Amino acid sequence: FRTLQHAGFQGFSDPVEFVAPPFRVREAMMVGPDGLVLGLLER
C-alpha cells in the first residue's frame, strides 16, 4: 500500500481486515494513473 502510494496510487480506504468464509483477509482498493484500480488481497 505504501509503495503504491509513493508511485501515485490513492486508496479508497486504508487496508481493512474482515472474514470472507472460509478465509480471514486484508484488502484495499487503490486507483492509479489513468484510473486503473488494483484490488490488493492478503490472505
Full PDB file with SEQRES, HELIX, SHEET, SSBOND, CRYST1, ORIGX, SCALE, CONECT and MASTER records, all heavy atoms in Angstrom:
SEQRES   1 A   43  PHE ARG THR LEU GLN HIS ALA GLY PHE GLN GLY PHE SER          
SEQRES   2 A   43  ASP PRO VAL GLU PHE VAL ALA PRO PRO PHE ARG VAL ARG          
SEQRES   3 A   43  GLU ALA MET MET VAL GLY PRO ASP GLY LEU VAL LEU GLY          
SEQRES   4 A   43  LEU LEU GLU ARG                                              
HELIX    1 AA1 ARG A    2  HIS A    6  1                                   5    
HELIX    2 AA2 PRO A   33  GLY A   35  5                                   3    
SHEET    1 AA1 3 VAL A  16  ALA A  20  0                                        
SHEET    2 AA1 3 PHE A  23  VAL A  31 -1                                        
SHEET    3 AA1 3 VAL A  37  GLU A  42 -1                                        
CRYST1    1.000    1.000    1.000  90.00  90.00  90.00 P 1           1          
ORIGX1      1.000000  0.000000  0.000000        0.00000                         
ORIGX2      0.000000  1.000000  0.000000        0.00000                         
ORIGX3      0.000000  0.000000  1.000000        0.00000                         
SCALE1      1.000000  0.000000  0.000000        0.00000                         
SCALE2      0.000000  1.000000  0.000000        0.00000                         
SCALE3      0.000000  0.000000  1.000000        0.00000                         
ATOM      1  N   PHE A   1       0.843  -1.209   0.000  1.00  0.00           N  
ATOM      2  CA  PHE A   1       0.000   0.000   0.000  1.00  0.00           C  
ATOM      3  C   PHE A   1       0.871   1.249   0.000  1.00  0.00           C  
ATOM      4  O   PHE A   1       0.650   2.179  -0.791  1.00  0.00           O  
ATOM      5  CB  PHE A   1      -0.914  -0.039   1.226  1.00  0.00           C  
ATOM      6  CG  PHE A   1      -2.017   0.980   1.218  1.00  0.00           C  
ATOM      7  CD1 PHE A   1      -3.228   0.712   0.605  1.00  0.00           C  
ATOM      8  CD2 PHE A   1      -1.851   2.214   1.840  1.00  0.00           C  
ATOM      9  CE1 PHE A   1      -4.254   1.647   0.608  1.00  0.00           C  
ATOM     10  CE2 PHE A   1      -2.869   3.150   1.847  1.00  0.00           C  
ATOM     11  CZ  PHE A   1      -4.072   2.867   1.230  1.00  0.00           C  
ATOM     12  N   ARG A   2       1.888   1.281   0.858  1.00  0.00           N  
ATOM     13  CA  ARG A   2       2.767   2.454   0.931  1.00  0.00           C  
ATOM     14  C   ARG A   2       3.554   2.628  -0.365  1.00  0.00           C  
ATOM     15  O   ARG A   2       3.725   3.760  -0.859  1.00  0.00           O  
ATOM     16  CB  ARG A   2       3.718   2.320   2.126  1.00  0.00           C  
ATOM     17  CG  ARG A   2       3.037   2.493   3.476  1.00  0.00           C  
ATOM     18  CD  ARG A   2       4.063   2.634   4.587  1.00  0.00           C  
ATOM     19  NE  ARG A   2       4.887   1.433   4.712  1.00  0.00           N  
ATOM     20  CZ  ARG A   2       4.596   0.411   5.514  1.00  0.00           C  
ATOM     21  NH1 ARG A   2       3.480   0.431   6.218  1.00  0.00           N  
ATOM     22  NH2 ARG A   2       5.420  -0.618   5.599  1.00  0.00           N  
ATOM     23  N   THR A   3       4.034   1.532  -0.920  1.00  0.00           N  
ATOM     24  CA  THR A   3       4.802   1.615  -2.165  1.00  0.00           C  
ATOM     25  C   THR A   3       3.953   2.189  -3.292  1.00  0.00           C  
ATOM     26  O   THR A   3       4.402   3.054  -4.057  1.00  0.00           O  
ATOM     27  CB  THR A   3       5.334   0.232  -2.565  1.00  0.00           C  
ATOM     28  OG1 THR A   3       6.222  -0.240  -1.540  1.00  0.00           O  
ATOM     29  CG2 THR A   3       6.086   0.284  -3.887  1.00  0.00           C  
ATOM     30  N   LEU A   4       2.712   1.730  -3.397  1.00  0.00           N  
ATOM     31  CA  LEU A   4       1.843   2.229  -4.462  1.00  0.00           C  
ATOM     32  C   LEU A   4       1.432   3.678  -4.209  1.00  0.00           C  
ATOM     33  O   LEU A   4       1.278   4.457  -5.167  1.00  0.00           O  
ATOM     34  CB  LEU A   4       0.610   1.334  -4.591  1.00  0.00           C  
ATOM     35  CG  LEU A   4       0.879  -0.055  -5.183  1.00  0.00           C  
ATOM     36  CD1 LEU A   4      -0.403  -0.875  -5.262  1.00  0.00           C  
ATOM     37  CD2 LEU A   4       1.511   0.043  -6.567  1.00  0.00           C  
ATOM     38  N   GLN A   5       1.262   4.067  -2.952  1.00  0.00           N  
ATOM     39  CA  GLN A   5       1.008   5.481  -2.665  1.00  0.00           C  
ATOM     40  C   GLN A   5       2.159   6.344  -3.181  1.00  0.00           C  
ATOM     41  O   GLN A   5       1.936   7.385  -3.808  1.00  0.00           O  
ATOM     42  CB  GLN A   5       0.825   5.704  -1.169  1.00  0.00           C  
ATOM     43  CG  GLN A   5      -0.554   5.372  -0.632  1.00  0.00           C  
ATOM     44  CD  GLN A   5      -0.691   5.710   0.831  1.00  0.00           C  
ATOM     45  OE1 GLN A   5       0.248   5.553   1.614  1.00  0.00           O  
ATOM     46  NE2 GLN A   5      -1.872   6.177   1.232  1.00  0.00           N  
ATOM     47  N   HIS A   6       3.375   5.926  -2.950  1.00  0.00           N  
ATOM     48  CA  HIS A   6       4.541   6.680  -3.423  1.00  0.00           C  
ATOM     49  C   HIS A   6       4.608   6.715  -4.945  1.00  0.00           C  
ATOM     50  O   HIS A   6       5.201   7.638  -5.522  1.00  0.00           O  
ATOM     51  CB  HIS A   6       5.829   6.070  -2.859  1.00  0.00           C  
ATOM     52  CG  HIS A   6       5.953   6.202  -1.373  1.00  0.00           C  
ATOM     53  ND1 HIS A   6       6.730   5.369  -0.600  1.00  0.00           N  
ATOM     54  CD2 HIS A   6       5.363   7.068  -0.502  1.00  0.00           C  
ATOM     55  CE1 HIS A   6       6.627   5.717   0.667  1.00  0.00           C  
ATOM     56  NE2 HIS A   6       5.802   6.745   0.749  1.00  0.00           N  
ATOM     57  N   ALA A   7       4.003   5.705  -5.600  1.00  0.00           N  
ATOM     58  CA  ALA A   7       4.014   5.647  -7.063  1.00  0.00           C  
ATOM     59  C   ALA A   7       2.837   6.391  -7.690  1.00  0.00           C  
ATOM     60  O   ALA A   7       2.686   6.384  -8.911  1.00  0.00           O  
ATOM     61  CB  ALA A   7       4.009   4.185  -7.523  1.00  0.00           C  
ATOM     62  N   GLY A   8       1.997   7.030  -6.867  1.00  0.00           N  
ATOM     63  CA  GLY A   8       0.903   7.837  -7.403  1.00  0.00           C  
ATOM     64  C   GLY A   8      -0.465   7.214  -7.292  1.00  0.00           C  
ATOM     65  O   GLY A   8      -1.447   7.781  -7.804  1.00  0.00           O  
ATOM     66  N   PHE A   9      -0.612   6.055  -6.636  1.00  0.00           N  
ATOM     67  CA  PHE A   9      -1.918   5.448  -6.419  1.00  0.00           C  
ATOM     68  C   PHE A   9      -2.559   6.050  -5.169  1.00  0.00           C  
ATOM     69  O   PHE A   9      -1.874   6.474  -4.247  1.00  0.00           O  
ATOM     70  CB  PHE A   9      -1.788   3.939  -6.234  1.00  0.00           C  
ATOM     71  CG  PHE A   9      -1.568   3.162  -7.504  1.00  0.00           C  
ATOM     72  CD1 PHE A   9      -0.337   3.195  -8.147  1.00  0.00           C  
ATOM     73  CD2 PHE A   9      -2.580   2.386  -8.040  1.00  0.00           C  
ATOM     74  CE1 PHE A   9      -0.124   2.474  -9.303  1.00  0.00           C  
ATOM     75  CE2 PHE A   9      -2.376   1.653  -9.201  1.00  0.00           C  
ATOM     76  CZ  PHE A   9      -1.146   1.703  -9.838  1.00  0.00           C  
ATOM     77  N   GLN A  10      -3.887   6.051  -5.127  1.00  0.00           N  
ATOM     78  CA  GLN A  10      -4.635   6.553  -3.975  1.00  0.00           C  
ATOM     79  C   GLN A  10      -5.631   5.494  -3.539  1.00  0.00           C  
ATOM     80  O   GLN A  10      -6.358   4.939  -4.364  1.00  0.00           O  
ATOM     81  CB  GLN A  10      -5.380   7.842  -4.325  1.00  0.00           C  
ATOM     82  CG  GLN A  10      -6.301   8.363  -3.244  1.00  0.00           C  
ATOM     83  CD  GLN A  10      -5.541   8.786  -1.988  1.00  0.00           C  
ATOM     84  OE1 GLN A  10      -4.430   9.281  -2.074  1.00  0.00           O  
ATOM     85  NE2 GLN A  10      -6.139   8.577  -0.829  1.00  0.00           N  
ATOM     86  N   GLY A  11      -5.677   5.192  -2.250  1.00  0.00           N  
ATOM     87  CA  GLY A  11      -6.608   4.191  -1.751  1.00  0.00           C  
ATOM     88  C   GLY A  11      -8.000   4.749  -1.541  1.00  0.00           C  
ATOM     89  O   GLY A  11      -8.167   5.913  -1.149  1.00  0.00           O  
ATOM     90  N   PHE A  12      -9.015   3.916  -1.784  1.00  0.00           N  
ATOM     91  CA  PHE A  12     -10.371   4.279  -1.387  1.00  0.00           C  
ATOM     92  C   PHE A  12     -10.515   4.165   0.125  1.00  0.00           C  
ATOM     93  O   PHE A  12     -11.375   4.804   0.734  1.00  0.00           O  
ATOM     94  CB  PHE A  12     -11.384   3.373  -2.086  1.00  0.00           C  
ATOM     95  CG  PHE A  12     -11.489   3.610  -3.563  1.00  0.00           C  
ATOM     96  CD1 PHE A  12     -10.964   2.701  -4.471  1.00  0.00           C  
ATOM     97  CD2 PHE A  12     -12.100   4.736  -4.060  1.00  0.00           C  
ATOM     98  CE1 PHE A  12     -11.057   2.908  -5.828  1.00  0.00           C  
ATOM     99  CE2 PHE A  12     -12.209   4.970  -5.419  1.00  0.00           C  
ATOM    100  CZ  PHE A  12     -11.683   4.048  -6.316  1.00  0.00           C  
ATOM    101  N   SER A  13      -9.685   3.312   0.728  1.00  0.00           N  
ATOM    102  CA  SER A  13      -9.602   3.187   2.178  1.00  0.00           C  
ATOM    103  C   SER A  13      -8.211   2.634   2.482  1.00  0.00           C  
ATOM    104  O   SER A  13      -7.524   2.120   1.597  1.00  0.00           O  
ATOM    105  CB  SER A  13     -10.667   2.222   2.720  1.00  0.00           C  
ATOM    106  OG  SER A  13     -10.365   0.886   2.329  1.00  0.00           O  
ATOM    107  N   ASP A  14      -7.778   2.754   3.718  1.00  0.00           N  
ATOM    108  CA  ASP A  14      -6.599   2.020   4.139  1.00  0.00           C  
ATOM    109  C   ASP A  14      -6.955   0.533   4.183  1.00  0.00           C  
ATOM    110  O   ASP A  14      -8.140   0.166   4.165  1.00  0.00           O  
ATOM    111  CB  ASP A  14      -6.139   2.505   5.512  1.00  0.00           C  
ATOM    112  CG  ASP A  14      -5.489   3.886   5.449  1.00  0.00           C  
ATOM    113  OD1 ASP A  14      -5.104   4.319   4.338  1.00  0.00           O  
ATOM    114  OD2 ASP A  14      -5.375   4.539   6.505  1.00  0.00           O  
ATOM    115  N   PRO A  15      -5.954  -0.353   4.238  1.00  0.00           N  
ATOM    116  CA  PRO A  15      -6.268  -1.789   4.291  1.00  0.00           C  
ATOM    117  C   PRO A  15      -7.203  -2.125   5.449  1.00  0.00           C  
ATOM    118  O   PRO A  15      -7.042  -1.623   6.567  1.00  0.00           O  
ATOM    119  CB  PRO A  15      -4.886  -2.435   4.481  1.00  0.00           C  
ATOM    120  CG  PRO A  15      -3.940  -1.474   3.828  1.00  0.00           C  
ATOM    121  CD  PRO A  15      -4.497  -0.108   4.143  1.00  0.00           C  
ATOM    122  N   VAL A  16      -8.192  -2.966   5.153  1.00  0.00           N  
ATOM    123  CA  VAL A  16      -9.158  -3.389   6.172  1.00  0.00           C  
ATOM    124  C   VAL A  16      -9.142  -4.912   6.270  1.00  0.00           C  
ATOM    125  O   VAL A  16      -8.897  -5.609   5.284  1.00  0.00           O  
ATOM    126  CB  VAL A  16     -10.584  -2.890   5.849  1.00  0.00           C  
ATOM    127  CG1 VAL A  16     -10.662  -1.384   5.924  1.00  0.00           C  
ATOM    128  CG2 VAL A  16     -11.046  -3.371   4.474  1.00  0.00           C  
ATOM    129  N   GLU A  17      -9.407  -5.403   7.464  1.00  0.00           N  
ATOM    130  CA  GLU A  17      -9.420  -6.848   7.708  1.00  0.00           C  
ATOM    131  C   GLU A  17     -10.847  -7.299   7.942  1.00  0.00           C  
ATOM    132  O   GLU A  17     -11.626  -6.630   8.635  1.00  0.00           O  
ATOM    133  CB  GLU A  17      -8.551  -7.191   8.915  1.00  0.00           C  
ATOM    134  CG  GLU A  17      -8.446  -8.688   9.193  1.00  0.00           C  
ATOM    135  CD  GLU A  17      -7.422  -9.027  10.250  1.00  0.00           C  
ATOM    136  OE1 GLU A  17      -6.381  -8.315  10.311  1.00  0.00           O  
ATOM    137  OE2 GLU A  17      -7.644  -9.985  11.019  1.00  0.00           O  
ATOM    138  N   PHE A  18     -11.203  -8.453   7.356  1.00  0.00           N  
ATOM    139  CA  PHE A  18     -12.535  -8.997   7.564  1.00  0.00           C  
ATOM    140  C   PHE A  18     -12.520 -10.483   7.245  1.00  0.00           C  
ATOM    141  O   PHE A  18     -11.527 -11.016   6.715  1.00  0.00           O  
ATOM    142  CB  PHE A  18     -13.580  -8.260   6.705  1.00  0.00           C  
ATOM    143  CG  PHE A  18     -13.296  -8.268   5.226  1.00  0.00           C  
ATOM    144  CD1 PHE A  18     -13.847  -9.231   4.398  1.00  0.00           C  
ATOM    145  CD2 PHE A  18     -12.477  -7.292   4.658  1.00  0.00           C  
ATOM    146  CE1 PHE A  18     -13.586  -9.230   3.031  1.00  0.00           C  
ATOM    147  CE2 PHE A  18     -12.213  -7.283   3.296  1.00  0.00           C  
ATOM    148  CZ  PHE A  18     -12.772  -8.258   2.485  1.00  0.00           C  
ATOM    149  N   VAL A  19     -13.592 -11.154   7.564  1.00  0.00           N  
ATOM    150  CA  VAL A  19     -13.727 -12.583   7.311  1.00  0.00           C  
ATOM    151  C   VAL A  19     -14.594 -12.777   6.075  1.00  0.00           C  
ATOM    152  O   VAL A  19     -15.707 -12.244   5.983  1.00  0.00           O  
ATOM    153  CB  VAL A  19     -14.347 -13.309   8.511  1.00  0.00           C  
ATOM    154  CG1 VAL A  19     -14.611 -14.775   8.177  1.00  0.00           C  
ATOM    155  CG2 VAL A  19     -13.420 -13.209   9.718  1.00  0.00           C  
ATOM    156  N   ALA A  20     -14.045 -13.508   5.097  1.00  0.00           N  
ATOM    157  CA  ALA A  20     -14.789 -13.919   3.909  1.00  0.00           C  
ATOM    158  C   ALA A  20     -14.731 -15.439   3.897  1.00  0.00           C  
ATOM    159  O   ALA A  20     -13.784 -16.017   3.374  1.00  0.00           O  
ATOM    160  CB  ALA A  20     -14.161 -13.336   2.651  1.00  0.00           C  
ATOM    161  N   PRO A  21     -15.702 -16.081   4.573  1.00  0.00           N  
ATOM    162  CA  PRO A  21     -15.602 -17.524   4.828  1.00  0.00           C  
ATOM    163  C   PRO A  21     -15.188 -18.305   3.578  1.00  0.00           C  
ATOM    164  O   PRO A  21     -15.717 -18.048   2.493  1.00  0.00           O  
ATOM    165  CB  PRO A  21     -17.020 -17.898   5.253  1.00  0.00           C  
ATOM    166  CG  PRO A  21     -17.581 -16.629   5.821  1.00  0.00           C  
ATOM    167  CD  PRO A  21     -16.988 -15.534   4.985  1.00  0.00           C  
ATOM    168  N   PRO A  22     -14.206 -19.198   3.703  1.00  0.00           N  
ATOM    169  CA  PRO A  22     -13.575 -19.663   4.950  1.00  0.00           C  
ATOM    170  C   PRO A  22     -12.275 -18.925   5.281  1.00  0.00           C  
ATOM    171  O   PRO A  22     -11.451 -19.448   6.024  1.00  0.00           O  
ATOM    172  CB  PRO A  22     -13.266 -21.123   4.624  1.00  0.00           C  
ATOM    173  CG  PRO A  22     -12.916 -21.090   3.157  1.00  0.00           C  
ATOM    174  CD  PRO A  22     -13.816 -20.035   2.545  1.00  0.00           C  
ATOM    175  N   PHE A  23     -12.061 -17.718   4.719  1.00  0.00           N  
ATOM    176  CA  PHE A  23     -10.778 -17.042   4.872  1.00  0.00           C  
ATOM    177  C   PHE A  23     -10.904 -15.790   5.745  1.00  0.00           C  
ATOM    178  O   PHE A  23     -11.963 -15.154   5.794  1.00  0.00           O  
ATOM    179  CB  PHE A  23     -10.233 -16.610   3.498  1.00  0.00           C  
ATOM    180  CG  PHE A  23     -10.142 -17.743   2.515  1.00  0.00           C  
ATOM    181  CD1 PHE A  23     -10.926 -17.735   1.362  1.00  0.00           C  
ATOM    182  CD2 PHE A  23      -9.272 -18.800   2.715  1.00  0.00           C  
ATOM    183  CE1 PHE A  23     -10.844 -18.769   0.441  1.00  0.00           C  
ATOM    184  CE2 PHE A  23      -9.183 -19.841   1.804  1.00  0.00           C  
ATOM    185  CZ  PHE A  23      -9.979 -19.826   0.668  1.00  0.00           C  
ATOM    186  N   ARG A  24      -9.800 -15.453   6.408  1.00  0.00           N  
ATOM    187  CA  ARG A  24      -9.638 -14.131   7.020  1.00  0.00           C  
ATOM    188  C   ARG A  24      -8.633 -13.369   6.166  1.00  0.00           C  
ATOM    189  O   ARG A  24      -7.536 -13.860   5.903  1.00  0.00           O  
ATOM    190  CB  ARG A  24      -9.144 -14.243   8.464  1.00  0.00           C  
ATOM    191  CG  ARG A  24      -9.042 -12.902   9.188  1.00  0.00           C  
ATOM    192  CD  ARG A  24      -8.987 -13.102  10.698  1.00  0.00           C  
ATOM    193  NE  ARG A  24      -7.834 -13.904  11.095  1.00  0.00           N  
ATOM    194  CZ  ARG A  24      -6.638 -13.405  11.426  1.00  0.00           C  
ATOM    195  NH1 ARG A  24      -6.446 -12.085  11.402  1.00  0.00           N  
ATOM    196  NH2 ARG A  24      -5.658 -14.190  11.778  1.00  0.00           N  
ATOM    197  N   VAL A  25      -9.018 -12.181   5.703  1.00  0.00           N  
ATOM    198  CA  VAL A  25      -8.224 -11.471   4.702  1.00  0.00           C  
ATOM    199  C   VAL A  25      -8.038 -10.015   5.103  1.00  0.00           C  
ATOM    200  O   VAL A  25      -8.750  -9.487   5.963  1.00  0.00           O  
ATOM    201  CB  VAL A  25      -8.902 -11.538   3.308  1.00  0.00           C  
ATOM    202  CG1 VAL A  25      -9.064 -12.968   2.846  1.00  0.00           C  
ATOM    203  CG2 VAL A  25     -10.254 -10.823   3.325  1.00  0.00           C  
ATOM    204  N   ARG A  26      -7.070  -9.379   4.466  1.00  0.00           N  
ATOM    205  CA  ARG A  26      -6.924  -7.931   4.496  1.00  0.00           C  
ATOM    206  C   ARG A  26      -6.942  -7.457   3.053  1.00  0.00           C  
ATOM    207  O   ARG A  26      -6.291  -8.057   2.173  1.00  0.00           O  
ATOM    208  CB  ARG A  26      -5.633  -7.500   5.188  1.00  0.00           C  
ATOM    209  CG  ARG A  26      -5.568  -7.887   6.662  1.00  0.00           C  
ATOM    210  CD  ARG A  26      -4.391  -7.216   7.338  1.00  0.00           C  
ATOM    211  NE  ARG A  26      -4.644  -5.791   7.528  1.00  0.00           N  
ATOM    212  CZ  ARG A  26      -3.688  -4.857   7.570  1.00  0.00           C  
ATOM    213  NH1 ARG A  26      -2.416  -5.189   7.391  1.00  0.00           N  
ATOM    214  NH2 ARG A  26      -4.007  -3.585   7.755  1.00  0.00           N  
ATOM    215  N   GLU A  27      -7.683  -6.394   2.783  1.00  0.00           N  
ATOM    216  CA  GLU A  27      -7.823  -5.903   1.415  1.00  0.00           C  
ATOM    217  C   GLU A  27      -7.811  -4.382   1.389  1.00  0.00           C  
ATOM    218  O   GLU A  27      -8.113  -3.714   2.377  1.00  0.00           O  
ATOM    219  CB  GLU A  27      -9.123  -6.414   0.771  1.00  0.00           C  
ATOM    220  CG  GLU A  27      -9.149  -7.896   0.493  1.00  0.00           C  
ATOM    221  CD  GLU A  27     -10.311  -8.288  -0.395  1.00  0.00           C  
ATOM    222  OE1 GLU A  27     -10.604  -7.538  -1.358  1.00  0.00           O  
ATOM    223  OE2 GLU A  27     -10.928  -9.335  -0.146  1.00  0.00           O  
ATOM    224  N   ALA A  28      -7.474  -3.863   0.216  1.00  0.00           N  
ATOM    225  CA  ALA A  28      -7.592  -2.436  -0.075  1.00  0.00           C  
ATOM    226  C   ALA A  28      -7.738  -2.294  -1.577  1.00  0.00           C  
ATOM    227  O   ALA A  28      -7.236  -3.128  -2.347  1.00  0.00           O  
ATOM    228  CB  ALA A  28      -6.376  -1.657   0.420  1.00  0.00           C  
ATOM    229  N   MET A  29      -8.432  -1.249  -2.007  1.00  0.00           N  
ATOM    230  CA  MET A  29      -8.505  -0.921  -3.424  1.00  0.00           C  
ATOM    231  C   MET A  29      -7.835   0.422  -3.644  1.00  0.00           C  
ATOM    232  O   MET A  29      -8.087   1.376  -2.902  1.00  0.00           O  
ATOM    233  CB  MET A  29      -9.963  -0.876  -3.903  1.00  0.00           C  
ATOM    234  CG  MET A  29     -10.572  -2.250  -4.103  1.00  0.00           C  
ATOM    235  SD  MET A  29     -12.142  -2.192  -4.999  1.00  0.00           S  
ATOM    236  CE  MET A  29     -13.216  -1.556  -3.722  1.00  0.00           C  
ATOM    237  N   MET A  30      -6.996   0.491  -4.694  1.00  0.00           N  
ATOM    238  CA  MET A  30      -6.253   1.711  -4.981  1.00  0.00           C  
ATOM    239  C   MET A  30      -6.424   2.069  -6.452  1.00  0.00           C  
ATOM    240  O   MET A  30      -6.371   1.208  -7.332  1.00  0.00           O  
ATOM    241  CB  MET A  30      -4.761   1.513  -4.678  1.00  0.00           C  
ATOM    242  CG  MET A  30      -4.469   1.036  -3.263  1.00  0.00           C  
ATOM    243  SD  MET A  30      -2.705   1.087  -2.869  1.00  0.00           S  
ATOM    244  CE  MET A  30      -2.481   2.856  -2.575  1.00  0.00           C  
ATOM    245  N   VAL A  31      -6.639   3.358  -6.700  1.00  0.00           N  
ATOM    246  CA  VAL A  31      -6.773   3.837  -8.071  1.00  0.00           C  
ATOM    247  C   VAL A  31      -5.482   4.544  -8.466  1.00  0.00           C  
ATOM    248  O   VAL A  31      -4.950   5.362  -7.718  1.00  0.00           O  
ATOM    249  CB  VAL A  31      -8.006   4.761  -8.234  1.00  0.00           C  
ATOM    250  CG1 VAL A  31      -7.941   5.966  -7.318  1.00  0.00           C  
ATOM    251  CG2 VAL A  31      -8.159   5.197  -9.692  1.00  0.00           C  
ATOM    252  N   GLY A  32      -4.962   4.191  -9.643  1.00  0.00           N  
ATOM    253  CA  GLY A  32      -3.686   4.718 -10.090  1.00  0.00           C  
ATOM    254  C   GLY A  32      -3.818   5.606 -11.306  1.00  0.00           C  
ATOM    255  O   GLY A  32      -4.922   6.031 -11.685  1.00  0.00           O  
ATOM    256  N   PRO A  33      -2.694   5.894 -11.960  1.00  0.00           N  
ATOM    257  CA  PRO A  33      -2.713   6.732 -13.158  1.00  0.00           C  
ATOM    258  C   PRO A  33      -3.666   6.169 -14.209  1.00  0.00           C  
ATOM    259  O   PRO A  33      -3.757   4.955 -14.398  1.00  0.00           O  
ATOM    260  CB  PRO A  33      -1.255   6.684 -13.623  1.00  0.00           C  
ATOM    261  CG  PRO A  33      -0.464   6.409 -12.388  1.00  0.00           C  
ATOM    262  CD  PRO A  33      -1.329   5.505 -11.565  1.00  0.00           C  
ATOM    263  N   ASP A  34      -4.374   7.076 -14.869  1.00  0.00           N  
ATOM    264  CA  ASP A  34      -5.351   6.740 -15.913  1.00  0.00           C  
ATOM    265  C   ASP A  34      -6.554   5.977 -15.365  1.00  0.00           C  
ATOM    266  O   ASP A  34      -7.332   5.425 -16.138  1.00  0.00           O  
ATOM    267  CB  ASP A  34      -4.707   5.962 -17.062  1.00  0.00           C  
ATOM    268  CG  ASP A  34      -3.616   6.751 -17.764  1.00  0.00           C  
ATOM    269  OD1 ASP A  34      -3.793   7.984 -17.910  1.00  0.00           O  
ATOM    270  OD2 ASP A  34      -2.589   6.166 -18.141  1.00  0.00           O  
ATOM    271  N   GLY A  35      -6.703   5.935 -14.036  1.00  0.00           N  
ATOM    272  CA  GLY A  35      -7.910   5.375 -13.449  1.00  0.00           C  
ATOM    273  C   GLY A  35      -7.922   3.875 -13.252  1.00  0.00           C  
ATOM    274  O   GLY A  35      -8.962   3.320 -12.880  1.00  0.00           O  
ATOM    275  N   LEU A  36      -6.806   3.197 -13.476  1.00  0.00           N  
ATOM    276  CA  LEU A  36      -6.774   1.752 -13.260  1.00  0.00           C  
ATOM    277  C   LEU A  36      -6.828   1.453 -11.763  1.00  0.00           C  
ATOM    278  O   LEU A  36      -6.022   1.968 -10.990  1.00  0.00           O  
ATOM    279  CB  LEU A  36      -5.510   1.138 -13.860  1.00  0.00           C  
ATOM    280  CG  LEU A  36      -5.328  -0.362 -13.605  1.00  0.00           C  
ATOM    281  CD1 LEU A  36      -6.434  -1.172 -14.265  1.00  0.00           C  
ATOM    282  CD2 LEU A  36      -3.957  -0.833 -14.087  1.00  0.00           C  
ATOM    283  N   VAL A  37      -7.785   0.612 -11.359  1.00  0.00           N  
ATOM    284  CA  VAL A  37      -7.938   0.227  -9.964  1.00  0.00           C  
ATOM    285  C   VAL A  37      -7.316  -1.146  -9.743  1.00  0.00           C  
ATOM    286  O   VAL A  37      -7.602  -2.098 -10.480  1.00  0.00           O  
ATOM    287  CB  VAL A  37      -9.423   0.211  -9.557  1.00  0.00           C  
ATOM    288  CG1 VAL A  37      -9.601  -0.403  -8.160  1.00  0.00           C  
ATOM    289  CG2 VAL A  37      -9.996   1.624  -9.582  1.00  0.00           C  
ATOM    290  N   LEU A  38      -6.448  -1.242  -8.736  1.00  0.00           N  
ATOM    291  CA  LEU A  38      -5.895  -2.518  -8.298  1.00  0.00           C  
ATOM    292  C   LEU A  38      -6.467  -2.845  -6.925  1.00  0.00           C  
ATOM    293  O   LEU A  38      -6.362  -2.036  -5.993  1.00  0.00           O  
ATOM    294  CB  LEU A  38      -4.374  -2.460  -8.219  1.00  0.00           C  
ATOM    295  CG  LEU A  38      -3.610  -2.355  -9.535  1.00  0.00           C  
ATOM    296  CD1 LEU A  38      -2.108  -2.323  -9.270  1.00  0.00           C  
ATOM    297  CD2 LEU A  38      -3.950  -3.519 -10.472  1.00  0.00           C  
ATOM    298  N   GLY A  39      -7.080  -4.011  -6.802  1.00  0.00           N  
ATOM    299  CA  GLY A  39      -7.518  -4.508  -5.520  1.00  0.00           C  
ATOM    300  C   GLY A  39      -6.429  -5.389  -4.935  1.00  0.00           C  
ATOM    301  O   GLY A  39      -6.005  -6.361  -5.562  1.00  0.00           O  
ATOM    302  N   LEU A  40      -5.954  -5.043  -3.739  1.00  0.00           N  
ATOM    303  CA  LEU A  40      -4.875  -5.778  -3.083  1.00  0.00           C  
ATOM    304  C   LEU A  40      -5.484  -6.765  -2.097  1.00  0.00           C  
ATOM    305  O   LEU A  40      -6.305  -6.393  -1.265  1.00  0.00           O  
ATOM    306  CB  LEU A  40      -3.948  -4.822  -2.328  1.00  0.00           C  
ATOM    307  CG  LEU A  40      -3.469  -3.570  -3.075  1.00  0.00           C  
ATOM    308  CD1 LEU A  40      -2.584  -2.733  -2.163  1.00  0.00           C  
ATOM    309  CD2 LEU A  40      -2.741  -3.942  -4.358  1.00  0.00           C  
ATOM    310  N   LEU A  41      -5.082  -8.028  -2.184  1.00  0.00           N  
ATOM    311  CA  LEU A  41      -5.631  -9.076  -1.327  1.00  0.00           C  
ATOM    312  C   LEU A  41      -4.499  -9.816  -0.625  1.00  0.00           C  
ATOM    313  O   LEU A  41      -3.642 -10.416  -1.282  1.00  0.00           O  
ATOM    314  CB  LEU A  41      -6.460 -10.063  -2.146  1.00  0.00           C  
ATOM    315  CG  LEU A  41      -6.899 -11.350  -1.434  1.00  0.00           C  
ATOM    316  CD1 LEU A  41      -7.804 -11.035  -0.256  1.00  0.00           C  
ATOM    317  CD2 LEU A  41      -7.585 -12.291  -2.415  1.00  0.00           C  
ATOM    318  N   GLU A  42      -4.485  -9.742   0.709  1.00  0.00           N  
ATOM    319  CA  GLU A  42      -3.582 -10.558   1.520  1.00  0.00           C  
ATOM    320  C   GLU A  42      -4.427 -11.528   2.333  1.00  0.00           C  
ATOM    321  O   GLU A  42      -5.350 -11.107   3.045  1.00  0.00           O  
ATOM    322  CB  GLU A  42      -2.748  -9.699   2.463  1.00  0.00           C  
ATOM    323  CG  GLU A  42      -1.791 -10.536   3.320  1.00  0.00           C  
ATOM    324  CD  GLU A  42      -0.939  -9.698   4.256  1.00  0.00           C  
ATOM    325  OE1 GLU A  42      -1.289  -8.522   4.499  1.00  0.00           O  
ATOM    326  OE2 GLU A  42       0.074 -10.220   4.753  1.00  0.00           O  
ATOM    327  N   ARG A  43      -4.134 -12.800   2.207  1.00  0.00           N  
ATOM    328  CA  ARG A  43      -4.871 -13.794   2.970  1.00  0.00           C  
ATOM    329  C   ARG A  43      -4.128 -14.039   4.284  1.00  0.00           C  
ATOM    330  O   ARG A  43      -2.992 -14.498   4.282  1.00  0.00           O  
ATOM    331  CB  ARG A  43      -5.029 -15.085   2.173  1.00  0.00           C  
ATOM    332  CG  ARG A  43      -6.265 -15.868   2.570  1.00  0.00           C  
ATOM    333  CD  ARG A  43      -6.651 -16.896   1.553  1.00  0.00           C  
ATOM    334  NE  ARG A  43      -5.704 -18.006   1.515  1.00  0.00           N  
ATOM    335  CZ  ARG A  43      -5.677 -18.915   0.550  1.00  0.00           C  
ATOM    336  NH1 ARG A  43      -6.520 -18.823  -0.473  1.00  0.00           N  
ATOM    337  NH2 ARG A  43      -4.810 -19.905   0.580  1.00  0.00           N  
TER     338      ARG A  43                                                      
MASTER        0    0    0    2    3    0    0    6  337    1    0    4          
END                                                                             
